PDB file of N, CA and C in Angstrom:
ATOM      1  N   MET A   1      10.765  -1.275 -17.138  1.00  0.00           N
ATOM      2  CA  MET A   1      12.013  -0.528 -17.121  1.00  0.00           C
ATOM      3  C   MET A   1      12.207   0.022 -15.819  1.00  0.00           C
ATOM      4  N   ALA A   2      10.935   0.529 -15.423  1.00  0.00           N
ATOM      5  CA  ALA A   2      10.941   1.455 -14.059  1.00  0.00           C
ATOM      6  C   ALA A   2      11.445   0.443 -12.795  1.00  0.00           C
ATOM      7  N   LEU A   3      10.755  -0.841 -13.009  1.00  0.00           N
ATOM      8  CA  LEU A   3      10.884  -1.863 -11.708  1.00  0.00           C
ATOM      9  C   LEU A   3      12.574  -2.091 -11.891  1.00  0.00           C
ATOM     10  N   TYR A   4      12.873  -2.290 -13.167  1.00  0.00           N
ATOM     11  CA  TYR A   4      14.423  -2.891 -13.433  1.00  0.00           C
ATOM     12  C   TYR A   4      15.271  -1.790 -12.714  1.00  0.00           C
ATOM     13  N   SER A   5      14.894  -0.603 -12.919  1.00  0.00           N
ATOM     14  CA  SER A   5      15.916   0.574 -12.228  1.00  0.00           C
ATOM     15  C   SER A   5      15.850   0.799 -10.913  1.00  0.00           C
ATOM     16  N   GLY A   6      14.935   0.023 -10.377  1.00  0.00           N
ATOM     17  CA  GLY A   6      14.901   0.108  -8.769  1.00  0.00           C
ATOM     18  C   GLY A   6      13.735   1.039  -8.042  1.00  0.00           C
ATOM     19  N   MET A   7      12.836   1.482  -8.946  1.00  0.00           N
ATOM     20  CA  MET A   7      11.815   2.232  -8.550  1.00  0.00           C
ATOM     21  C   MET A   7      10.900   1.449  -7.566  1.00  0.00           C
ATOM     22  N   ASP A   8      10.204   2.217  -6.785  1.00  0.00           N
ATOM     23  CA  ASP A   8       9.109   1.571  -5.970  1.00  0.00           C
ATOM     24  C   ASP A   8       7.975   1.152  -6.639  1.00  0.00           C
ATOM     25  N   PRO A   9       7.822  -0.252  -6.480  1.00  0.00           N
ATOM     26  CA  PRO A   9       6.346  -0.639  -7.311  1.00  0.00           C
ATOM     27  C   PRO A   9       5.304  -0.174  -6.768  1.00  0.00           C
ATOM     28  N   LEU A  10       5.296   0.442  -5.427  1.00  0.00           N
ATOM     29  CA  LEU A  10       4.076   0.797  -4.899  1.00  0.00           C
ATOM     30  C   LEU A  10       3.707   2.263  -5.310  1.00  0.00           C
ATOM     31  N   THR A  11       4.581   2.966  -5.850  1.00  0.00           N
ATOM     32  CA  THR A  11       4.245   4.314  -6.304  1.00  0.00           C
ATOM     33  C   THR A  11       4.505   4.615  -7.791  1.00  0.00           C
ATOM     34  N   LEU A  12       4.617   3.495  -8.612  1.00  0.00           N
ATOM     35  CA  LEU A  12       4.792   3.497 -10.174  1.00  0.00           C
ATOM     36  C   LEU A  12       3.489   4.246 -10.681  1.00  0.00           C
ATOM     37  N   HIS A  13       2.147   4.077 -10.003  1.00  0.00           N
ATOM     38  CA  HIS A  13       1.153   4.455 -10.743  1.00  0.00           C
ATOM     39  C   HIS A  13       1.132   6.141 -10.530  1.00  0.00           C
ATOM     40  N   GLU A  14       1.876   6.784  -9.911  1.00  0.00           N
ATOM     41  CA  GLU A  14       1.762   8.297  -9.857  1.00  0.00           C
ATOM     42  C   GLU A  14       2.588   8.476 -10.938  1.00  0.00           C
ATOM     43  N   MET A  15       3.743   7.857 -11.343  1.00  0.00           N
ATOM     44  CA  MET A  15       4.642   8.258 -12.269  1.00  0.00           C
ATOM     45  C   MET A  15       3.826   8.081 -13.768  1.00  0.00           C
ATOM     46  N   PHE A  16       3.187   7.042 -13.641  1.00  0.00           N
ATOM     47  CA  PHE A  16       2.409   6.728 -14.989  1.00  0.00           C
ATOM     48  C   PHE A  16       0.859   7.540 -15.138  1.00  0.00           C
ATOM     49  N   GLY A  17       0.480   8.042 -13.932  1.00  0.00           N
ATOM     50  CA  GLY A  17      -0.772   8.730 -14.131  1.00  0.00           C
ATOM     51  C   GLY A  17      -2.023   7.956 -14.178  1.00  0.00           C
ATOM     52  N   ILE A  18      -1.934   6.671 -13.457  1.00  0.00           N
ATOM     53  CA  ILE A  18      -2.981   5.735 -13.395  1.00  0.00           C
ATOM     54  C   ILE A  18      -3.495   5.567 -11.890  1.00  0.00           C
ATOM     55  N   SER A  19      -4.634   4.886 -11.670  1.00  0.00           N
ATOM     56  CA  SER A  19      -4.937   4.483 -10.510  1.00  0.00           C
ATOM     57  C   SER A  19      -4.105   3.374  -9.927  1.00  0.00           C
ATOM     58  N   GLU A  20      -4.127   2.978  -8.777  1.00  0.00           N
ATOM     59  CA  GLU A  20      -3.398   1.927  -7.986  1.00  0.00           C
ATOM     60  C   GLU A  20      -4.020   0.761  -8.383  1.00  0.00           C
ATOM     61  N   LYS A  21      -5.244   0.660  -8.610  1.00  0.00           N
ATOM     62  CA  LYS A  21      -6.068  -0.449  -9.297  1.00  0.00           C
ATOM     63  C   LYS A  21      -5.546  -0.787 -10.670  1.00  0.00           C
ATOM     64  N   GLU A  22      -5.397   0.085 -11.436  1.00  0.00           N
ATOM     65  CA  GLU A  22      -4.762  -0.150 -12.781  1.00  0.00           C
ATOM     66  C   GLU A  22      -3.651  -0.670 -12.760  1.00  0.00           C
ATOM     67  N   LEU A  23      -2.677  -0.239 -11.815  1.00  0.00           N
ATOM     68  CA  LEU A  23      -1.556  -0.629 -11.807  1.00  0.00           C
ATOM     69  C   LEU A  23      -1.335  -2.247 -11.347  1.00  0.00           C
ATOM     70  N   GLU A  24      -2.318  -2.514 -10.154  1.00  0.00           N
ATOM     71  CA  GLU A  24      -2.431  -3.897  -9.843  1.00  0.00           C
ATOM     72  C   GLU A  24      -2.810  -4.590 -10.855  1.00  0.00           C
ATOM     73  N   ASP A  25      -3.744  -4.254 -11.969  1.00  0.00           N
ATOM     74  CA  ASP A  25      -3.981  -5.109 -12.813  1.00  0.00           C
ATOM     75  C   ASP A  25      -3.056  -5.380 -14.014  1.00  0.00           C
ATOM     76  N   ILE A  26      -2.245  -4.482 -14.180  1.00  0.00           N
ATOM     77  CA  ILE A  26      -1.192  -4.670 -14.893  1.00  0.00           C
ATOM     78  C   ILE A  26      -0.153  -5.764 -14.274  1.00  0.00           C
ATOM     79  N   TYR A  27       0.018  -5.573 -13.119  1.00  0.00           N
ATOM     80  CA  TYR A  27       0.966  -6.462 -12.187  1.00  0.00           C
ATOM     81  C   TYR A  27       0.492  -7.826 -12.366  1.00  0.00           C
ATOM     82  N   ASP A  28      -0.993  -8.053 -12.196  1.00  0.00           N
ATOM     83  CA  ASP A  28      -1.523  -9.255 -12.454  1.00  0.00           C
ATOM     84  C   ASP A  28      -1.277  -9.923 -13.706  1.00  0.00           C
ATOM     85  N   ARG A  29      -1.336  -9.174 -14.722  1.00  0.00           N
ATOM     86  CA  ARG A  29      -1.247  -9.762 -16.120  1.00  0.00           C
ATOM     87  C   ARG A  29       0.296  -9.961 -16.257  1.00  0.00           C
ATOM     88  N   LEU A  30       1.152  -9.212 -15.625  1.00  0.00           N
ATOM     89  CA  LEU A  30       2.685  -9.599 -15.897  1.00  0.00           C
ATOM     90  C   LEU A  30       3.054 -10.816 -15.023  1.00  0.00           C
ATOM     91  N   MET A  31       2.301 -10.996 -13.952  1.00  0.00           N
ATOM     92  CA  MET A  31       2.506 -12.211 -13.225  1.00  0.00           C
ATOM     93  C   MET A  31       1.911 -13.531 -13.664  1.00  0.00           C
ATOM     94  N   ASP A  32       0.780 -13.326 -14.477  1.00  0.00           N
ATOM     95  CA  ASP A  32       0.159 -14.400 -15.190  1.00  0.00           C
ATOM     96  C   ASP A  32       1.085 -15.006 -16.390  1.00  0.00           C
ATOM     97  N   LYS A  33       1.912 -14.097 -16.945  1.00  0.00           N
ATOM     98  CA  LYS A  33       2.840 -14.420 -18.001  1.00  0.00           C
ATOM     99  C   LYS A  33       4.207 -14.778 -17.548  1.00  0.00           C
ATOM    100  N   GLY A  34       4.403 -14.676 -16.203  1.00  0.00           N
ATOM    101  CA  GLY A  34       5.662 -15.254 -15.504  1.00  0.00           C
ATOM    102  C   GLY A  34       6.627 -14.142 -15.532  1.00  0.00           C
ATOM    103  N   LEU A  35       6.319 -12.872 -15.794  1.00  0.00           N
ATOM    104  CA  LEU A  35       7.346 -11.867 -15.732  1.00  0.00           C
ATOM    105  C   LEU A  35       7.677 -11.269 -14.377  1.00  0.00           C
ATOM    106  N   LEU A  36       6.677 -11.201 -13.604  1.00  0.00           N
ATOM    107  CA  LEU A  36       6.868 -10.679 -12.161  1.00  0.00           C
ATOM    108  C   LEU A  36       6.606 -11.804 -11.048  1.00  0.00           C
ATOM    109  N   LYS A  37       6.845 -11.602 -10.023  1.00  0.00           N
ATOM    110  CA  LYS A  37       6.728 -12.524  -8.891  1.00  0.00           C
ATOM    111  C   LYS A  37       6.393 -11.499  -7.803  1.00  0.00           C
ATOM    112  N   LEU A  38       5.436 -12.260  -6.963  1.00  0.00           N
ATOM    113  CA  LEU A  38       4.656 -11.546  -5.746  1.00  0.00           C
ATOM    114  C   LEU A  38       5.727 -11.750  -4.667  1.00  0.00           C
ATOM    115  N   VAL A  39       6.288 -10.649  -4.070  1.00  0.00           N
ATOM    116  CA  VAL A  39       7.135 -10.498  -2.858  1.00  0.00           C
ATOM    117  C   VAL A  39       6.482 -10.148  -1.679  1.00  0.00           C
ATOM    118  N   MET A  40       5.533  -9.279  -1.898  1.00  0.00           N
ATOM    119  CA  MET A  40       4.707  -9.004  -0.547  1.00  0.00           C
ATOM    120  C   MET A  40       3.525  -8.481  -0.676  1.00  0.00           C
ATOM    121  N   ILE A  41       2.434  -8.871  -0.010  1.00  0.00           N
ATOM    122  CA  ILE A  41       1.055  -8.346   0.021  1.00  0.00           C
ATOM    123  C   ILE A  41       1.011  -7.085   0.880  1.00  0.00           C
ATOM    124  N   ARG A  42       0.642  -5.915   0.304  1.00  0.00           N
ATOM    125  CA  ARG A  42       0.509  -4.715   1.066  1.00  0.00           C
ATOM    126  C   ARG A  42      -1.067  -4.621   1.641  1.00  0.00           C
ATOM    127  N   LYS A  43      -1.269  -4.474   2.909  1.00  0.00           N
ATOM    128  CA  LYS A  43      -2.499  -4.395   3.162  1.00  0.00           C
ATOM    129  C   LYS A  43      -2.871  -2.820   3.615  1.00  0.00           C
ATOM    130  N   VAL A  44      -3.959  -2.526   3.221  1.00  0.00           N
ATOM    131  CA  VAL A  44      -4.760  -1.160   3.398  1.00  0.00           C
ATOM    132  C   VAL A  44      -5.701  -1.227   4.340  1.00  0.00           C
ATOM    133  N   VAL A  45      -5.300  -0.514   5.453  1.00  0.00           N
ATOM    134  CA  VAL A  45      -6.313  -0.708   6.596  1.00  0.00           C
ATOM    135  C   VAL A  45      -6.636   0.871   7.250  1.00  0.00           C
ATOM    136  N   ASP A  46      -7.690   0.528   8.023  1.00  0.00           N
ATOM    137  CA  ASP A  46      -8.193   1.739   8.610  1.00  0.00           C
ATOM    138  C   ASP A  46      -8.589   1.219   9.871  1.00  0.00           C
ATOM    139  N   LEU A  47      -8.870   2.290  10.912  1.00  0.00           N
ATOM    140  CA  LEU A  47      -9.122   2.115  12.235  1.00  0.00           C
ATOM    141  C   LEU A  47     -10.699   1.667  12.305  1.00  0.00           C
ATOM    142  N   THR A  48     -11.066   0.804  13.100  1.00  0.00           N
ATOM    143  CA  THR A  48     -12.370   0.508  13.243  1.00  0.00           C
ATOM    144  C   THR A  48     -12.995   1.283  14.415  1.00  0.00           C
ATOM    145  N   ARG A  49     -14.231   1.355  14.663  1.00  0.00           N
ATOM    146  CA  ARG A  49     -14.723   2.165  15.666  1.00  0.00           C
ATOM    147  C   ARG A  49     -14.013   2.001  17.082  1.00  0.00           C
ATOM    148  N   GLU A  50     -13.883   0.765  17.329  1.00  0.00           N
ATOM    149  CA  GLU A  50     -13.020   0.484  18.660  1.00  0.00           C
ATOM    150  C   GLU A  50     -11.699   1.056  18.525  1.00  0.00           C
ATOM    151  N   GLY A  51     -11.061   0.884  17.373  1.00  0.00           N
ATOM    152  CA  GLY A  51      -9.744   1.288  17.404  1.00  0.00           C
ATOM    153  C   GLY A  51      -9.550   2.934  17.466  1.00  0.00           C
ATOM    154  N   ARG A  52     -10.495   3.634  16.927  1.00  0.00           N
ATOM    155  CA  ARG A  52     -10.870   5.017  16.865  1.00  0.00           C
ATOM    156  C   ARG A  52     -11.052   5.532  18.482  1.00  0.00           C
ATOM    157  N   LYS A  53     -11.709   4.660  19.142  1.00  0.00           N
ATOM    158  CA  LYS A  53     -12.033   5.199  20.549  1.00  0.00           C
ATOM    159  C   LYS A  53     -10.774   4.918  21.370  1.00  0.00           C
ATOM    160  N   LEU A  54      -9.968   3.602  21.037  1.00  0.00           N
ATOM    161  CA  LEU A  54      -8.832   3.567  21.807  1.00  0.00           C
ATOM    162  C   LEU A  54      -7.820   4.672  21.567  1.00  0.00           C
ATOM    163  N   VAL A  55      -7.862   5.043  20.463  1.00  0.00           N
ATOM    164  CA  VAL A  55      -6.836   6.279  19.903  1.00  0.00           C
ATOM    165  C   VAL A  55      -7.225   7.466  20.727  1.00  0.00           C
ATOM    166  N   ASN A  56      -8.439   7.702  20.722  1.00  0.00           N
ATOM    167  CA  ASN A  56      -8.910   8.994  21.406  1.00  0.00           C
ATOM    168  C   ASN A  56      -8.616   8.966  22.870  1.00  0.00           C
ATOM    169  N   LYS A  57      -8.798   7.690  23.405  1.00  0.00           N
ATOM    170  CA  LYS A  57      -8.508   7.498  25.094  1.00  0.00           C
ATOM    171  C   LYS A  57      -7.129   7.783  25.277  1.00  0.00           C
ATOM    172  N   MET A  58      -6.231   7.338  24.423  1.00  0.00           N
ATOM    173  CA  MET A  58      -4.904   7.414  24.514  1.00  0.00           C
ATOM    174  C   MET A  58      -4.342   8.921  24.173  1.00  0.00           C
ATOM    175  N   MET A  59      -5.064   9.531  23.391  1.00  0.00           N
ATOM    176  CA  MET A  59      -4.652  10.822  23.034  1.00  0.00           C
ATOM    177  C   MET A  59      -5.217  11.998  24.439  1.00  0.00           C
ATOM    178  N   LYS A  60      -6.237  11.658  24.794  1.00  0.00           N
ATOM    179  CA  LYS A  60      -6.710  12.298  26.028  1.00  0.00           C
ATOM    180  C   LYS A  60      -5.948  12.011  27.194  1.00  0.00           C
ATOM    181  N   TYR A  61      -5.359  11.005  27.488  1.00  0.00           N
ATOM    182  CA  TYR A  61      -4.546  10.783  28.648  1.00  0.00           C
ATOM    183  C   TYR A  61      -3.181  10.756  28.266  1.00  0.00           C
ATOM    184  N   GLY A  62      -2.725  11.186  27.145  1.00  0.00           N
ATOM    185  CA  GLY A  62      -1.337  11.603  26.869  1.00  0.00           C
ATOM    186  C   GLY A  62      -0.457  10.086  26.729  1.00  0.00           C
ATOM    187  N   ILE A  63      -1.212   9.028  26.545  1.00  0.00           N
ATOM    188  CA  ILE A  63      -0.534   7.635  26.531  1.00  0.00           C
ATOM    189  C   ILE A  63       0.173   7.494  25.136  1.00  0.00           C
ATOM    190  N   GLY A  64       1.363   7.197  24.882  1.00  0.00           N
ATOM    191  CA  GLY A  64       1.984   6.913  23.671  1.00  0.00           C
ATOM    192  C   GLY A  64       2.281   8.175  23.053  1.00  0.00           C
ATOM    193  N   MET A  65       2.180   9.191  23.606  1.00  0.00           N
ATOM    194  CA  MET A  65       2.687  10.510  22.916  1.00  0.00           C
ATOM    195  C   MET A  65       4.210  10.703  23.061  1.00  0.00           C
ATOM    196  N   MET A  66       4.710  11.143  22.180  1.00  0.00           N
ATOM    197  CA  MET A  66       6.343  11.638  22.458  1.00  0.00           C
ATOM    198  C   MET A  66       6.606  12.988  22.391  1.00  0.00           C
TER     199      MET A  66
END
């Protein structure tokens, strides 16, 4: 019902008080039953050591700051 009413599928775990992993497991079961379709895969990312170095350098020299 929450999806049908237009709620954000990425934040429903907060409404139900469950973890993101638990919600993903529920989505997987519903997809297996043909009740949901996969629209987009969200990537959870973090900077690598090299990425952090680059950001630190950019901040030091004011590059990309608004």
